[in-house]
PDB file of N, CA and C in Angstrom:
ATOM      1  N   MET A   1     -40.713  32.856  -4.076  1.00  0.00           N
ATOM      2  CA  MET A   1     -41.829  33.399  -4.801  1.00  0.00           C
ATOM      3  C   MET A   1     -41.785  34.922  -4.782  1.00  0.00           C
ATOM      4  N   THR A   2     -41.525  35.517  -3.633  1.00  0.00           N
ATOM      5  CA  THR A   2     -41.506  36.975  -3.529  1.00  0.00           C
ATOM      6  C   THR A   2     -40.457  37.573  -4.453  1.00  0.00           C
ATOM      7  N   ASP A   3     -39.269  36.985  -4.503  1.00  0.00           N
ATOM      8  CA  ASP A   3     -38.215  37.484  -5.394  1.00  0.00           C
ATOM      9  C   ASP A   3     -38.655  37.428  -6.851  1.00  0.00           C
ATOM     10  N   ALA A   4     -39.312  36.332  -7.223  1.00  0.00           N
ATOM     11  CA  ALA A   4     -39.776  36.194  -8.607  1.00  0.00           C
ATOM     12  C   ALA A   4     -40.768  37.293  -8.952  1.00  0.00           C
ATOM     13  N   LEU A   5     -41.698  37.563  -8.055  1.00  0.00           N
ATOM     14  CA  LEU A   5     -42.695  38.595  -8.312  1.00  0.00           C
ATOM     15  C   LEU A   5     -42.070  39.983  -8.377  1.00  0.00           C
ATOM     16  N   ILE A   6     -41.154  40.263  -7.461  1.00  0.00           N
ATOM     17  CA  ILE A   6     -40.492  41.572  -7.437  1.00  0.00           C
ATOM     18  C   ILE A   6     -39.689  41.798  -8.712  1.00  0.00           C
ATOM     19  N   ASN A   7     -39.084  40.728  -9.226  1.00  0.00           N
ATOM     20  CA  ASN A   7     -38.262  40.835 -10.427  1.00  0.00           C
ATOM     21  C   ASN A   7     -39.079  40.753 -11.717  1.00  0.00           C
ATOM     22  N   GLY A   8     -40.386  40.653 -11.586  1.00  0.00           N
ATOM     23  CA  GLY A   8     -41.247  40.655 -12.760  1.00  0.00           C
ATOM     24  C   GLY A   8     -41.382  39.316 -13.462  1.00  0.00           C
ATOM     25  N   ALA A   9     -40.936  38.247 -12.835  1.00  0.00           N
ATOM     26  CA  ALA A   9     -41.027  36.926 -13.444  1.00  0.00           C
ATOM     27  C   ALA A   9     -42.419  36.340 -13.218  1.00  0.00           C
ATOM     28  N   ASP A  10     -42.803  35.418 -14.104  1.00  0.00           N
ATOM     29  CA  ASP A  10     -44.050  34.695 -13.896  1.00  0.00           C
ATOM     30  C   ASP A  10     -43.884  33.792 -12.691  1.00  0.00           C
ATOM     31  N   CYS A  11     -44.964  33.577 -11.980  1.00  0.00           N
ATOM     32  CA  CYS A  11     -44.871  32.800 -10.757  1.00  0.00           C
ATOM     33  C   CYS A  11     -46.147  31.993 -10.559  1.00  0.00           C
ATOM     34  N   ILE A  12     -45.985  30.732 -10.219  1.00  0.00           N
ATOM     35  CA  ILE A  12     -47.118  29.888  -9.840  1.00  0.00           C
ATOM     36  C   ILE A  12     -46.917  29.522  -8.392  1.00  0.00           C
ATOM     37  N   CYS A  13     -47.961  29.696  -7.596  1.00  0.00           N
ATOM     38  CA  CYS A  13     -47.828  29.365  -6.190  1.00  0.00           C
ATOM     39  C   CYS A  13     -49.111  28.730  -5.681  1.00  0.00           C
ATOM     40  N   CYS A  14     -48.992  28.003  -4.626  1.00  0.00           N
ATOM     41  CA  CYS A  14     -50.144  27.393  -3.967  1.00  0.00           C
ATOM     42  C   CYS A  14     -50.465  28.249  -2.753  1.00  0.00           C
ATOM     43  N   LEU A  15     -51.678  28.765  -2.710  1.00  0.00           N
ATOM     44  CA  LEU A  15     -52.080  29.636  -1.617  1.00  0.00           C
ATOM     45  C   LEU A  15     -52.715  28.822  -0.506  1.00  0.00           C
ATOM     46  N   PRO A  16     -52.466  29.201   0.735  1.00  0.00           N
ATOM     47  CA  PRO A  16     -53.064  28.465   1.849  1.00  0.00           C
ATOM     48  C   PRO A  16     -54.556  28.742   1.953  1.00  0.00           C
ATOM     49  N   ASN A  17     -55.269  27.738   2.343  1.00  0.00           N
ATOM     50  CA  ASN A  17     -56.692  27.855   2.661  1.00  0.00           C
ATOM     51  C   ASN A  17     -57.520  28.399   1.511  1.00  0.00           C
ATOM     52  N   SER A  18     -58.369  29.363   1.748  1.00  0.00           N
ATOM     53  CA  SER A  18     -59.351  29.804   0.755  1.00  0.00           C
ATOM     54  C   SER A  18     -59.058  31.202   0.238  1.00  0.00           C
ATOM     55  N   PRO A  19     -58.639  31.319  -1.015  1.00  0.00           N
ATOM     56  CA  PRO A  19     -58.485  32.667  -1.557  1.00  0.00           C
ATOM     57  C   PRO A  19     -59.783  33.195  -2.156  1.00  0.00           C
ATOM     58  N   VAL A  20     -59.957  34.486  -2.042  1.00  0.00           N
ATOM     59  CA  VAL A  20     -61.012  35.199  -2.752  1.00  0.00           C
ATOM     60  C   VAL A  20     -60.312  35.834  -3.936  1.00  0.00           C
ATOM     61  N   VAL A  21     -60.650  35.399  -5.138  1.00  0.00           N
ATOM     62  CA  VAL A  21     -59.945  35.844  -6.331  1.00  0.00           C
ATOM     63  C   VAL A  21     -60.782  36.912  -7.026  1.00  0.00           C
ATOM     64  N   VAL A  22     -60.227  38.101  -7.133  1.00  0.00           N
ATOM     65  CA  VAL A  22     -60.898  39.223  -7.780  1.00  0.00           C
ATOM     66  C   VAL A  22     -60.462  39.222  -9.241  1.00  0.00           C
ATOM     67  N   VAL A  23     -61.436  39.071 -10.144  1.00  0.00           N
ATOM     68  CA  VAL A  23     -61.151  38.854 -11.554  1.00  0.00           C
ATOM     69  C   VAL A  23     -61.845  39.912 -12.407  1.00  0.00           C
ATOM     70  N   VAL A  24     -61.220  40.229 -13.524  1.00  0.00           N
ATOM     71  CA  VAL A  24     -61.732  41.256 -14.424  1.00  0.00           C
ATOM     72  C   VAL A  24     -62.867  40.754 -15.308  1.00  0.00           C
ATOM     73  N   LEU A  25     -62.714  39.601 -15.904  1.00  0.00           N
ATOM     74  CA  LEU A  25     -63.618  39.150 -16.956  1.00  0.00           C
ATOM     75  C   LEU A  25     -64.470  37.939 -16.558  1.00  0.00           C
ATOM     76  N   ASN A  26     -65.734  37.943 -16.981  1.00  0.00           N
ATOM     77  CA  ASN A  26     -66.625  36.812 -16.726  1.00  0.00           C
ATOM     78  C   ASN A  26     -66.078  35.525 -17.320  1.00  0.00           C
ATOM     79  N   ALA A  27     -65.463  35.602 -18.483  1.00  0.00           N
ATOM     80  CA  ALA A  27     -64.938  34.404 -19.140  1.00  0.00           C
ATOM     81  C   ALA A  27     -63.879  33.718 -18.284  1.00  0.00           C
ATOM     82  N   ILE A  28     -63.064  34.497 -17.618  1.00  0.00           N
ATOM     83  CA  ILE A  28     -62.034  33.921 -16.750  1.00  0.00           C
ATOM     84  C   ILE A  28     -62.677  33.238 -15.553  1.00  0.00           C
ATOM     85  N   ILE A  29     -63.679  33.869 -14.968  1.00  0.00           N
ATOM     86  CA  ILE A  29     -64.384  33.267 -13.833  1.00  0.00           C
ATOM     87  C   ILE A  29     -65.010  31.940 -14.253  1.00  0.00           C
ATOM     88  N   ALA A  30     -65.707  31.935 -15.375  1.00  0.00           N
ATOM     89  CA  ALA A  30     -66.370  30.714 -15.849  1.00  0.00           C
ATOM     90  C   ALA A  30     -65.356  29.606 -16.112  1.00  0.00           C
ATOM     91  N   GLN A  31     -64.245  29.962 -16.722  1.00  0.00           N
ATOM     92  CA  GLN A  31     -63.201  28.980 -17.021  1.00  0.00           C
ATOM     93  C   GLN A  31     -62.634  28.364 -15.749  1.00  0.00           C
ATOM     94  N   GLN A  32     -62.350  29.193 -14.761  1.00  0.00           N
ATOM     95  CA  GLN A  32     -61.766  28.696 -13.522  1.00  0.00           C
ATOM     96  C   GLN A  32     -62.758  27.845 -12.732  1.00  0.00           C
ATOM     97  N   ILE A  33     -64.007  28.248 -12.705  1.00  0.00           N
ATOM     98  CA  ILE A  33     -65.018  27.466 -11.987  1.00  0.00           C
ATOM     99  C   ILE A  33     -65.213  26.116 -12.677  1.00  0.00           C
ATOM    100  N   GLN A  34     -65.163  26.107 -13.999  1.00  0.00           N
ATOM    101  CA  GLN A  34     -65.291  24.843 -14.722  1.00  0.00           C
ATOM    102  C   GLN A  34     -64.129  23.911 -14.366  1.00  0.00           C
ATOM    103  N   LYS A  35     -62.923  24.435 -14.276  1.00  0.00           N
ATOM    104  CA  LYS A  35     -61.754  23.622 -13.934  1.00  0.00           C
ATOM    105  C   LYS A  35     -61.801  23.124 -12.496  1.00  0.00           C
ATOM    106  N   LEU A  36     -62.237  23.981 -11.586  1.00  0.00           N
ATOM    107  CA  LEU A  36     -62.190  23.647 -10.159  1.00  0.00           C
ATOM    108  C   LEU A  36     -63.440  22.927  -9.664  1.00  0.00           C
ATOM    109  N   GLY A  37     -64.504  22.959 -10.427  1.00  0.00           N
ATOM    110  CA  GLY A  37     -65.725  22.239 -10.074  1.00  0.00           C
ATOM    111  C   GLY A  37     -66.336  22.716  -8.768  1.00  0.00           C
ATOM    112  N   SER A  38     -66.693  21.773  -7.922  1.00  0.00           N
ATOM    113  CA  SER A  38     -67.411  22.100  -6.684  1.00  0.00           C
ATOM    114  C   SER A  38     -66.544  22.798  -5.641  1.00  0.00           C
ATOM    115  N   MET A  39     -65.243  22.933  -5.896  1.00  0.00           N
ATOM    116  CA  MET A  39     -64.357  23.640  -4.960  1.00  0.00           C
ATOM    117  C   MET A  39     -64.431  25.146  -5.131  1.00  0.00           C
ATOM    118  N   ALA A  40     -65.177  25.627  -6.144  1.00  0.00           N
ATOM    119  CA  ALA A  40     -65.185  27.059  -6.447  1.00  0.00           C
ATOM    120  C   ALA A  40     -66.601  27.566  -6.670  1.00  0.00           C
ATOM    121  N   ILE A  41     -66.786  28.855  -6.328  1.00  0.00           N
ATOM    122  CA  ILE A  41     -68.051  29.530  -6.612  1.00  0.00           C
ATOM    123  C   ILE A  41     -67.756  30.915  -7.171  1.00  0.00           C
ATOM    124  N   SER A  42     -68.766  31.470  -7.794  1.00  0.00           N
ATOM    125  CA  SER A  42     -68.708  32.854  -8.254  1.00  0.00           C
ATOM    126  C   SER A  42     -69.618  33.668  -7.354  1.00  0.00           C
ATOM    127  N   LEU A  43     -69.072  34.696  -6.772  1.00  0.00           N
ATOM    128  CA  LEU A  43     -69.870  35.598  -5.948  1.00  0.00           C
ATOM    129  C   LEU A  43     -70.355  36.724  -6.855  1.00  0.00           C
ATOM    130  N   SER A  44     -71.644  36.764  -7.090  1.00  0.00           N
ATOM    131  CA  SER A  44     -72.190  37.835  -7.909  1.00  0.00           C
ATOM    132  C   SER A  44     -73.443  38.384  -7.247  1.00  0.00           C
ATOM    133  N   LYS A  45     -73.832  39.537  -7.698  1.00  0.00           N
ATOM    134  CA  LYS A  45     -74.968  40.239  -7.105  1.00  0.00           C
ATOM    135  C   LYS A  45     -76.203  39.342  -7.066  1.00  0.00           C
ATOM    136  N   GLY A  46     -76.796  39.245  -5.891  1.00  0.00           N
ATOM    137  CA  GLY A  46     -78.012  38.482  -5.731  1.00  0.00           C
ATOM    138  C   GLY A  46     -77.829  36.986  -5.565  1.00  0.00           C
ATOM    139  N   LYS A  47     -76.627  36.488  -5.746  1.00  0.00           N
ATOM    140  CA  LYS A  47     -76.392  35.054  -5.641  1.00  0.00           C
ATOM    141  C   LYS A  47     -76.251  34.638  -4.178  1.00  0.00           C
ATOM    142  N   GLN A  48     -76.847  33.526  -3.829  1.00  0.00           N
ATOM    143  CA  GLN A  48     -76.769  32.995  -2.468  1.00  0.00           C
ATOM    144  C   GLN A  48     -75.324  32.607  -2.132  1.00  0.00           C
ATOM    145  N   ILE A  49     -74.857  32.975  -0.948  1.00  0.00           N
ATOM    146  CA  ILE A  49     -73.518  32.614  -0.507  1.00  0.00           C
ATOM    147  C   ILE A  49     -73.620  31.358   0.360  1.00  0.00           C
ATOM    148  N   PRO A  50     -73.005  30.246  -0.074  1.00  0.00           N
ATOM    149  CA  PRO A  50     -73.081  29.001   0.699  1.00  0.00           C
ATOM    150  C   PRO A  50     -72.129  29.021   1.895  1.00  0.00           C
ATOM    151  N   THR A  51     -72.524  29.723   2.935  1.00  0.00           N
ATOM    152  CA  THR A  51     -71.690  29.924   4.118  1.00  0.00           C
ATOM    153  C   THR A  51     -71.183  28.608   4.699  1.00  0.00           C
ATOM    154  N   ASP A  52     -72.056  27.613   4.783  1.00  0.00           N
ATOM    155  CA  ASP A  52     -71.654  26.336   5.376  1.00  0.00           C
ATOM    156  C   ASP A  52     -70.546  25.658   4.587  1.00  0.00           C
ATOM    157  N   LYS A  53     -70.615  25.721   3.266  1.00  0.00           N
ATOM    158  CA  LYS A  53     -69.592  25.085   2.429  1.00  0.00           C
ATOM    159  C   LYS A  53     -68.263  25.826   2.493  1.00  0.00           C
ATOM    160  N   ILE A  54     -68.315  27.125   2.706  1.00  0.00           N
ATOM    161  CA  ILE A  54     -67.084  27.903   2.873  1.00  0.00           C
ATOM    162  C   ILE A  54     -66.475  27.599   4.238  1.00  0.00           C
ATOM    163  N   ALA A  55     -67.315  27.591   5.261  1.00  0.00           N
ATOM    164  CA  ALA A  55     -66.845  27.367   6.636  1.00  0.00           C
ATOM    165  C   ALA A  55     -66.218  25.997   6.828  1.00  0.00           C
ATOM    166  N   ASP A  56     -66.776  24.977   6.188  1.00  0.00           N
ATOM    167  CA  ASP A  56     -66.222  23.636   6.392  1.00  0.00           C
ATOM    168  C   ASP A  56     -65.153  23.262   5.369  1.00  0.00           C
ATOM    169  N   GLY A  57     -64.793  24.199   4.494  1.00  0.00           N
ATOM    170  CA  GLY A  57     -63.681  23.981   3.583  1.00  0.00           C
ATOM    171  C   GLY A  57     -64.025  23.288   2.280  1.00  0.00           C
ATOM    172  N   ARG A  58     -65.297  23.002   2.022  1.00  0.00           N
ATOM    173  CA  ARG A  58     -65.657  22.373   0.747  1.00  0.00           C
ATOM    174  C   ARG A  58     -65.441  23.333  -0.419  1.00  0.00           C
ATOM    175  N   ILE A  59     -65.641  24.611  -0.178  1.00  0.00           N
ATOM    176  CA  ILE A  59     -65.355  25.622  -1.195  1.00  0.00           C
ATOM    177  C   ILE A  59     -64.011  26.243  -0.858  1.00  0.00           C
ATOM    178  N   LYS A  60     -63.087  26.116  -1.793  1.00  0.00           N
ATOM    179  CA  LYS A  60     -61.724  26.606  -1.585  1.00  0.00           C
ATOM    180  C   LYS A  60     -61.454  27.938  -2.283  1.00  0.00           C
ATOM    181  N   TYR A  61     -62.233  28.245  -3.310  1.00  0.00           N
ATOM    182  CA  TYR A  61     -61.985  29.448  -4.108  1.00  0.00           C
ATOM    183  C   TYR A  61     -63.287  30.208  -4.322  1.00  0.00           C
ATOM    184  N   ILE A  62     -63.231  31.512  -4.139  1.00  0.00           N
ATOM    185  CA  ILE A  62     -64.370  32.377  -4.384  1.00  0.00           C
ATOM    186  C   ILE A  62     -63.922  33.405  -5.426  1.00  0.00           C
ATOM    187  N   PHE A  63     -64.581  33.384  -6.573  1.00  0.00           N
ATOM    188  CA  PHE A  63     -64.252  34.313  -7.648  1.00  0.00           C
ATOM    189  C   PHE A  63     -65.273  35.432  -7.670  1.00  0.00           C
ATOM    190  N   SER A  64     -64.794  36.649  -7.896  1.00  0.00           N
ATOM    191  CA  SER A  64     -65.700  37.787  -7.881  1.00  0.00           C
ATOM    192  C   SER A  64     -65.115  38.960  -8.661  1.00  0.00           C
ATOM    193  N   HIS A  65     -66.008  39.835  -9.072  1.00  0.00           N
ATOM    194  CA  HIS A  65     -65.604  41.120  -9.633  1.00  0.00           C
ATOM    195  C   HIS A  65     -65.442  42.088  -8.466  1.00  0.00           C
ATOM    196  N   PRO A  66     -64.625  43.113  -8.613  1.00  0.00           N
ATOM    197  CA  PRO A  66     -64.434  44.056  -7.506  1.00  0.00           C
ATOM    198  C   PRO A  66     -65.730  44.715  -7.057  1.00  0.00           C
ATOM    199  N   GLU A  67     -66.619  45.010  -7.999  1.00  0.00           N
ATOM    200  CA  GLU A  67     -67.881  45.668  -7.652  1.00  0.00           C
ATOM    201  C   GLU A  67     -68.717  44.799  -6.718  1.00  0.00           C
ATOM    202  N   ASP A  68     -68.703  43.495  -6.971  1.00  0.00           N
ATOM    203  CA  ASP A  68     -69.510  42.599  -6.147  1.00  0.00           C
ATOM    204  C   ASP A  68     -68.960  42.493  -4.724  1.00  0.00           C
ATOM    205  N   ILE A  69     -67.661  42.528  -4.580  1.00  0.00           N
ATOM    206  CA  ILE A  69     -67.065  42.498  -3.236  1.00  0.00           C
ATOM    207  C   ILE A  69     -67.370  43.798  -2.499  1.00  0.00           C
ATOM    208  N   LEU A  70     -67.245  44.909  -3.197  1.00  0.00           N
ATOM    209  CA  LEU A  70     -67.450  46.208  -2.558  1.00  0.00           C
ATOM    210  C   LEU A  70     -68.904  46.462  -2.180  1.00  0.00           C
ATOM    211  N   ASN A  71     -69.830  45.938  -2.954  1.00  0.00           N
ATOM    212  CA  ASN A  71     -71.235  46.284  -2.769  1.00  0.00           C
ATOM    213  C   ASN A  71     -72.089  45.180  -2.147  1.00  0.00           C
ATOM    214  N   ASN A  72     -71.509  44.053  -1.823  1.00  0.00           N
ATOM    215  CA  ASN A  72     -72.274  42.933  -1.289  1.00  0.00           C
ATOM    216  C   ASN A  72     -72.121  42.875   0.230  1.00  0.00           C
ATOM    217  N   LEU A  73     -73.135  43.314   0.948  1.00  0.00           N
ATOM    218  CA  LEU A  73     -73.073  43.330   2.414  1.00  0.00           C
ATOM    219  C   LEU A  73     -72.998  41.927   2.998  1.00  0.00           C
ATOM    220  N   ARG A  74     -73.616  40.949   2.329  1.00  0.00           N
ATOM    221  CA  ARG A  74     -73.534  39.562   2.813  1.00  0.00           C
ATOM    222  C   ARG A  74     -72.093  39.055   2.773  1.00  0.00           C
ATOM    223  N   PHE A  75     -71.345  39.486   1.770  1.00  0.00           N
ATOM    224  CA  PHE A  75     -69.934  39.126   1.673  1.00  0.00           C
ATOM    225  C   PHE A  75     -69.176  39.669   2.884  1.00  0.00           C
ATOM    226  N   ASN A  76     -69.416  40.924   3.200  1.00  0.00           N
ATOM    227  CA  ASN A  76     -68.757  41.547   4.354  1.00  0.00           C
ATOM    228  C   ASN A  76     -69.110  40.811   5.639  1.00  0.00           C
ATOM    229  N   ASP A  77     -70.387  40.534   5.820  1.00  0.00           N
ATOM    230  CA  ASP A  77     -70.826  39.825   7.026  1.00  0.00           C
ATOM    231  C   ASP A  77     -70.196  38.444   7.117  1.00  0.00           C
ATOM    232  N   LEU A  78     -70.138  37.760   5.997  1.00  0.00           N
ATOM    233  CA  LEU A  78     -69.563  36.415   5.969  1.00  0.00           C
ATOM    234  C   LEU A  78     -68.124  36.424   6.464  1.00  0.00           C
ATOM    235  N   PHE A  79     -67.320  37.316   5.936  1.00  0.00           N
ATOM    236  CA  PHE A  79     -65.895  37.307   6.261  1.00  0.00           C
ATOM    237  C   PHE A  79     -65.571  37.976   7.598  1.00  0.00           C
ATOM    238  N   ARG A  80     -66.570  38.485   8.271  1.00  0.00           N
ATOM    239  CA  ARG A  80     -66.384  38.979   9.641  1.00  0.00           C
ATOM    240  C   ARG A  80     -66.711  37.903  10.675  1.00  0.00           C
ATOM    241  N   GLN A  81     -67.300  36.796  10.247  1.00  0.00           N
ATOM    242  CA  GLN A  81     -67.633  35.711  11.168  1.00  0.00           C
ATOM    243  C   GLN A  81     -66.356  35.023  11.645  1.00  0.00           C
ATOM    244  N   GLU A  82     -66.309  34.756  12.926  1.00  0.00           N
ATOM    245  CA  GLU A  82     -65.101  34.181  13.529  1.00  0.00           C
ATOM    246  C   GLU A  82     -64.705  32.859  12.877  1.00  0.00           C
ATOM    247  N   ASN A  83     -65.674  31.980  12.620  1.00  0.00           N
ATOM    248  CA  ASN A  83     -65.331  30.686  12.030  1.00  0.00           C
ATOM    249  C   ASN A  83     -64.764  30.824  10.619  1.00  0.00           C
ATOM    250  N   ILE A  84     -65.183  31.830   9.888  1.00  0.00           N
ATOM    251  CA  ILE A  84     -64.642  32.070   8.551  1.00  0.00           C
ATOM    252  C   ILE A  84     -63.259  32.710   8.654  1.00  0.00           C
ATOM    253  N   GLN A  85     -63.073  33.626   9.594  1.00  0.00           N
ATOM    254  CA  GLN A  85     -61.765  34.260   9.760  1.00  0.00           C
ATOM    255  C   GLN A  85     -60.701  33.250  10.161  1.00  0.00           C
ATOM    256  N   GLN A  86     -61.086  32.199  10.849  1.00  0.00           N
ATOM    257  CA  GLN A  86     -60.128  31.173  11.238  1.00  0.00           C
ATOM    258  C   GLN A  86     -59.611  30.379  10.039  1.00  0.00           C
ATOM    259  N   LEU A  87     -60.267  30.491   8.906  1.00  0.00           N
ATOM    260  CA  LEU A  87     -59.818  29.804   7.698  1.00  0.00           C
ATOM    261  C   LEU A  87     -58.627  30.490   7.046  1.00  0.00           C
ATOM    262  N   ASN A  88     -58.275  31.684   7.522  1.00  0.00           N
ATOM    263  CA  ASN A  88     -57.193  32.462   6.913  1.00  0.00           C
ATOM    264  C   ASN A  88     -57.438  32.666   5.421  1.00  0.00           C
ATOM    265  N   THR A  89     -58.532  33.299   5.108  1.00  0.00           N
ATOM    266  CA  THR A  89     -58.901  33.578   3.731  1.00  0.00           C
ATOM    267  C   THR A  89     -58.157  34.816   3.252  1.00  0.00           C
ATOM    268  N   TYR A  90     -57.628  34.741   2.038  1.00  0.00           N
ATOM    269  CA  TYR A  90     -56.820  35.831   1.506  1.00  0.00           C
ATOM    270  C   TYR A  90     -57.388  36.325   0.180  1.00  0.00           C
ATOM    271  N   PRO A  91     -57.384  37.641  -0.037  1.00  0.00           N
ATOM    272  CA  PRO A  91     -57.800  38.151  -1.347  1.00  0.00           C
ATOM    273  C   PRO A  91     -56.648  38.048  -2.348  1.00  0.00           C
ATOM    274  N   VAL A  92     -56.985  37.710  -3.576  1.00  0.00           N
ATOM    275  CA  VAL A  92     -56.001  37.627  -4.648  1.00  0.00           C
ATOM    276  C   VAL A  92     -56.535  38.464  -5.798  1.00  0.00           C
ATOM    277  N   ILE A  93     -55.744  39.404  -6.269  1.00  0.00           N
ATOM    278  CA  ILE A  93     -56.144  40.238  -7.403  1.00  0.00           C
ATOM    279  C   ILE A  93     -55.569  39.588  -8.659  1.00  0.00           C
ATOM    280  N   ASP A  94     -56.447  39.070  -9.506  1.00  0.00           N
ATOM    281  CA  ASP A  94     -56.019  38.385 -10.719  1.00  0.00           C
ATOM    282  C   ASP A  94     -56.228  39.299 -11.919  1.00  0.00           C
ATOM    283  N   GLU A  95     -55.400  39.126 -12.892  1.00  0.00           N
ATOM    284  CA  GLU A  95     -55.504  39.873 -14.141  1.00  0.00           C
ATOM    285  C   GLU A  95     -55.383  41.377 -13.952  1.00  0.00           C
ATOM    286  N   ALA A  96     -54.653  41.796 -12.944  1.00  0.00           N
ATOM    287  CA  ALA A  96     -54.458  43.234 -12.715  1.00  0.00           C
ATOM    288  C   ALA A  96     -53.721  43.876 -13.878  1.00  0.00           C
ATOM    289  N   ASP A  97     -52.980  43.074 -14.640  1.00  0.00           N
ATOM    290  CA  ASP A  97     -52.288  43.619 -15.809  1.00  0.00           C
ATOM    291  C   ASP A  97     -53.284  44.153 -16.840  1.00  0.00           C
ATOM    292  N   CYS A  98     -54.500  43.617 -16.856  1.00  0.00           N
ATOM    293  CA  CYS A  98     -55.526  44.144 -17.769  1.00  0.00           C
ATOM    294  C   CYS A  98     -55.856  45.591 -17.436  1.00  0.00           C
ATOM    295  N   ILE A  99     -55.883  45.898 -16.148  1.00  0.00           N
ATOM    296  CA  ILE A  99     -56.168  47.272 -15.735  1.00  0.00           C
ATOM    297  C   ILE A  99     -55.057  48.192 -16.230  1.00  0.00           C
ATOM    298  N   LEU A 100     -53.814  47.735 -16.112  1.00  0.00           N
ATOM    299  CA  LEU A 100     -52.701  48.543 -16.593  1.00  0.00           C
ATOM    300  C   LEU A 100     -52.778  48.747 -18.102  1.00  0.00           C
ATOM    301  N   GLU A 101     -53.146  47.698 -18.812  1.00  0.00           N
ATOM    302  CA  GLU A 101     -53.193  47.769 -20.266  1.00  0.00           C
ATOM    303  C   GLU A 101     -54.397  48.570 -20.774  1.00  0.00           C
ATOM    304  N   TRP A 102     -55.579  48.359 -20.167  1.00  0.00           N
ATOM    305  CA  TRP A 102     -56.802  48.973 -20.664  1.00  0.00           C
ATOM    306  C   TRP A 102     -57.128  50.291 -19.972  1.00  0.00           C
ATOM    307  N   GLY A 103     -56.380  50.636 -18.947  1.00  0.00           N
ATOM    308  CA  GLY A 103     -56.603  51.902 -18.263  1.00  0.00           C
ATOM    309  C   GLY A 103     -57.423  51.761 -16.995  1.00  0.00           C
ATOM    310  N   GLU A 104     -57.193  52.671 -16.085  1.00  0.00           N
ATOM    311  CA  GLU A 104     -57.835  52.622 -14.776  1.00  0.00           C
ATOM    312  C   GLU A 104     -59.346  52.781 -14.838  1.00  0.00           C
ATOM    313  N   GLU A 105     -59.860  53.391 -15.857  1.00  0.00           N
ATOM    314  CA  GLU A 105     -61.300  53.610 -15.946  1.00  0.00           C
ATOM    315  C   GLU A 105     -62.049  52.363 -16.386  1.00  0.00           C
ATOM    316  N   PHE A 106     -61.328  51.324 -16.845  1.00  0.00           N
ATOM    317  CA  PHE A 106     -62.000  50.081 -17.242  1.00  0.00           C
ATOM    318  C   PHE A 106     -62.757  49.481 -16.069  1.00  0.00           C
ATOM    319  N   ARG A 107     -62.124  49.377 -14.925  1.00  0.00           N
ATOM    320  CA  ARG A 107     -62.751  48.861 -13.700  1.00  0.00           C
ATOM    321  C   ARG A 107     -62.296  49.740 -12.537  1.00  0.00           C
ATOM    322  N   PRO A 108     -62.869  50.930 -12.373  1.00  0.00           N
ATOM    323  CA  PRO A 108     -62.413  51.858 -11.339  1.00  0.00           C
ATOM    324  C   PRO A 108     -62.541  51.312  -9.916  1.00  0.00           C
ATOM    325  N   ASP A 109     -63.382  50.307  -9.712  1.00  0.00           N
ATOM    326  CA  ASP A 109     -63.553  49.772  -8.360  1.00  0.00           C
ATOM    327  C   ASP A 109     -62.324  49.033  -7.851  1.00  0.00           C
ATOM    328  N   TYR A 110     -61.407  48.676  -8.736  1.00  0.00           N
ATOM    329  CA  TYR A 110     -60.164  48.066  -8.259  1.00  0.00           C
ATOM    330  C   TYR A 110     -59.447  49.000  -7.283  1.00  0.00           C
ATOM    331  N   LYS A 111     -59.534  50.308  -7.529  1.00  0.00           N
ATOM    332  CA  LYS A 111     -58.892  51.288  -6.645  1.00  0.00           C
ATOM    333  C   LYS A 111     -59.502  51.287  -5.248  1.00  0.00           C
ATOM    334  N   ARG A 112     -60.775  50.890  -5.155  1.00  0.00           N
ATOM    335  CA  ARG A 112     -61.477  50.921  -3.870  1.00  0.00           C
ATOM    336  C   ARG A 112     -61.309  49.649  -3.054  1.00  0.00           C
ATOM    337  N   LEU A 113     -60.706  48.606  -3.608  1.00  0.00           N
ATOM    338  CA  LEU A 113     -60.578  47.329  -2.893  1.00  0.00           C
ATOM    339  C   LEU A 113     -59.823  47.420  -1.567  1.00  0.00           C
ATOM    340  N   PRO A 114     -58.821  48.279  -1.422  1.00  0.00           N
ATOM    341  CA  PRO A 114     -58.125  48.326  -0.122  1.00  0.00           C
ATOM    342  C   PRO A 114     -59.031  48.632   1.057  1.00  0.00           C
ATOM    343  N   VAL A 115     -60.176  49.276   0.850  1.00  0.00           N
ATOM    344  CA  VAL A 115     -61.074  49.548   1.971  1.00  0.00           C
ATOM    345  C   VAL A 115     -61.646  48.273   2.562  1.00  0.00           C
ATOM    346  N   LYS A 116     -61.621  47.176   1.816  1.00  0.00           N
ATOM    347  CA  LYS A 116     -62.127  45.901   2.300  1.00  0.00           C
ATOM    348  C   LYS A 116     -61.047  45.081   3.007  1.00  0.00           C
ATOM    349  N   GLY A 117     -59.846  45.571   3.043  1.00  0.00           N
ATOM    350  CA  GLY A 117     -58.759  44.837   3.672  1.00  0.00           C
ATOM    351  C   GLY A 117     -59.026  44.450   5.105  1.00  0.00           C
ATOM    352  N   SER A 118     -59.760  45.264   5.820  1.00  0.00           N
ATOM    353  CA  SER A 118     -60.005  44.998   7.232  1.00  0.00           C
ATOM    354  C   SER A 118     -60.838  43.738   7.461  1.00  0.00           C
ATOM    355  N   ILE A 119     -61.636  43.322   6.489  1.00  0.00           N
ATOM    356  CA  ILE A 119     -62.429  42.119   6.727  1.00  0.00           C
ATOM    357  C   ILE A 119     -61.597  40.852   6.589  1.00  0.00           C
ATOM    358  N   PHE A 120     -60.374  40.971   6.072  1.00  0.00           N
ATOM    359  CA  PHE A 120     -59.508  39.819   5.943  1.00  0.00           C
ATOM    360  C   PHE A 120     -58.470  39.733   7.055  1.00  0.00           C
ATOM    361  N   LEU A 121     -58.538  40.615   8.029  1.00  0.00           N
ATOM    362  CA  LEU A 121     -57.564  40.595   9.126  1.00  0.00           C
ATOM    363  C   LEU A 121     -57.944  39.597  10.190  1.00  0.00           C
TER     364      LEU A 121
END
């Protein structure tokens, strides 16, 4: 998989445990949640985070915009909990090619995402 990505090839992979998928467009989030059903949620401002469903593995995918991850303190608290960290949750940046195509000012918060890396350690 790594060679394919480095060489610029398309790649499909199965990620372990629960990924947090950072997405550009609402339409993509809605489409993915519709496909994945109860295994997925959208993390958005003001929305309740079902901690119990994440902790016990019923929710496998969390979709969010970069702004919601950066500005949601409940998100930070959730992923600092020991039982959640044991799930080996990984962030996935989806549709990053849109940022390249539409310019960095389209979603400037993508640049700030590395500051959240520590909550996934």
